[in-house]
Protein backbone atom coordinates (compact mmCIF):
# COMPACT_ATOMS: atom_id res chain seq x y z
CA GLY A 1 6.31 -33.18 17.12
CA GLY A 2 4.97 -29.68 17.33
CA ILE A 3 7.76 -28.08 19.35
CA VAL A 4 10.47 -29.54 17.11
CA ASP A 5 8.63 -28.23 14.06
CA LEU A 6 8.17 -24.81 15.64
CA ARG A 7 11.88 -24.63 16.46
CA LYS A 8 12.59 -25.31 12.78
CA ALA A 9 10.07 -22.66 11.78
CA VAL A 10 11.74 -20.11 14.07
CA SER A 11 15.05 -20.91 12.38
CA LEU A 12 13.60 -20.76 8.87
CA THR A 13 11.89 -17.42 9.53
CA LYS A 14 15.03 -16.02 11.15
CA GLY A 15 13.19 -15.60 14.43
CA GLN A 16 10.05 -13.89 13.15
CA THR A 17 8.12 -12.59 16.17
CA GLU A 18 4.88 -14.42 15.40
CA THR A 19 6.71 -17.73 15.05
CA VAL A 20 8.68 -17.14 18.25
CA SER A 21 5.40 -16.45 20.07
CA MET A 22 3.91 -19.68 18.71
CA LEU A 23 6.93 -21.60 19.99
CA ALA A 24 6.66 -19.90 23.38
CA TYR A 25 2.95 -20.77 23.49
CA ALA A 26 3.68 -24.44 22.77
CA LEU A 27 6.49 -24.54 25.32
CA ALA A 28 4.32 -22.99 28.03
CA ARG A 29 1.44 -25.36 27.27
CA SER A 30 3.81 -28.32 27.55
CA GLY A 31 5.14 -27.19 30.93
CA GLN A 32 8.44 -25.72 29.73
CA ARG A 33 7.81 -22.40 31.49
CA THR A 34 11.42 -21.29 31.83
CA GLU A 35 12.09 -21.28 28.10
CA ALA A 36 8.64 -19.84 27.41
CA LEU A 37 9.37 -16.95 29.80
CA THR A 38 12.70 -16.30 28.07
CA LEU A 39 10.93 -16.10 24.72
CA LEU A 40 8.24 -13.89 26.27
CA ASP A 41 10.98 -11.43 27.24
CA THR A 42 12.27 -11.53 23.65
CA VAL A 43 8.83 -10.81 22.19
CA LYS A 44 8.15 -8.04 24.73
CA SER A 45 11.52 -6.43 23.92
CA ARG A 46 10.63 -6.44 20.23
CA TYR A 47 7.29 -4.84 21.06
CA ALA A 48 9.06 -2.14 23.06
CA ALA A 49 11.37 -1.47 20.11
CA THR A 50 8.73 -1.51 17.37
CA GLY A 51 5.34 -0.89 18.97
CA ALA A 52 4.01 -3.87 17.05
CA GLY A 53 3.02 -7.34 18.12
CA ALA A 54 1.06 -6.98 21.36
CA TYR A 55 -1.17 -9.82 20.10
CA ASN A 56 1.85 -12.13 20.10
CA VAL A 57 2.65 -11.18 23.70
CA ALA A 58 -0.97 -11.90 24.69
CA ARG A 59 -0.74 -15.36 23.12
CA ILE A 60 2.21 -16.26 25.35
CA TYR A 61 0.58 -14.91 28.51
CA LEU A 62 -2.50 -16.99 27.72
CA ALA A 63 -0.41 -20.15 27.56
CA LEU A 64 1.18 -19.19 30.88
CA ASP A 65 -2.33 -19.01 32.42
CA ASP A 66 -1.95 -15.28 33.13
CA LYS A 67 -5.41 -14.02 32.22
CA GLU A 68 -4.88 -10.44 33.42
CA ASN A 69 -1.80 -9.91 31.23
CA THR A 70 -3.48 -11.73 28.33
CA LEU A 71 -6.39 -9.31 28.43
CA ALA A 72 -4.17 -6.26 28.98
CA TRP A 73 -2.01 -7.11 25.96
CA LEU A 74 -5.07 -7.76 23.78
CA GLU A 75 -6.38 -4.33 24.78
CA LYS A 76 -2.97 -2.86 23.97
CA ASP A 77 -3.13 -4.47 20.52
CA LEU A 78 -6.54 -2.87 19.98
CA ALA A 79 -5.19 0.52 21.13
CA ASP A 80 -2.27 0.11 18.72
CA HIS A 81 -4.76 -0.26 15.84
CA SER A 82 -3.08 -3.53 14.93
CA SER A 83 -4.55 -5.63 12.15
CA TRP A 84 -3.85 -8.69 14.30
CA ILE A 85 -6.68 -7.90 16.71
CA THR A 86 -9.22 -8.83 14.04
CA GLN A 87 -7.88 -12.41 14.23
CA LEU A 88 -9.05 -12.65 17.83
CA PHE A 89 -12.59 -13.49 16.72
CA ILE A 90 -11.46 -16.67 14.90
CA ASP A 91 -8.20 -17.60 16.66
CA GLU A 92 -9.00 -20.76 18.64
CA VAL A 93 -5.97 -20.17 20.88
CA PHE A 94 -7.99 -17.44 22.61
CA ASP A 95 -11.10 -19.59 23.19
CA PRO A 96 -10.41 -19.72 26.96
CA VAL A 97 -10.96 -15.95 27.24
CA ARG A 98 -13.48 -15.47 24.45
CA ASN A 99 -16.40 -14.86 26.84
CA GLU A 100 -14.52 -12.42 29.06
CA PRO A 101 -16.27 -9.02 29.12
CA ARG A 102 -13.02 -7.30 28.09
CA VAL A 103 -12.71 -9.56 25.03
CA GLN A 104 -16.37 -8.98 24.19
CA ALA A 105 -15.61 -5.24 24.34
CA ILE A 106 -12.77 -5.77 21.85
CA PHE A 107 -15.16 -7.64 19.54
CA ARG A 108 -17.59 -4.71 19.73
CA ALA A 109 -14.82 -2.16 19.16
CA THR A 110 -13.66 -4.00 16.03
CA GLY A 111 -17.20 -4.49 14.72
CA GLN A 112 -17.09 -8.26 15.06
CA ILE A 113 -20.19 -8.29 17.26
CA ARG A 114 -22.81 -5.68 18.03
């Protein structure tokens, strides 16, 4: 299934941050919080070291049902001028927060809505 495939993808990409965050998302959504939280720490550490990838952190928080941290990390991605933030408009993963005023503000800031 999906988690097995994502574990393979993490291995094949040598632990690429985006792939790790996708695995953490799937784990959290399937109730495997402990492992998802461990991977969240990994992705946050990489962000701290590189200043890149806040969008990936937001994805994991969303799966953990932590709306406040999801929104905060999306705003951080916008502030970082990340190219990832433009994916927010089409990324179905973020549908649960799409209508949040803070997400609508991100859409306006990136020119995706007026």
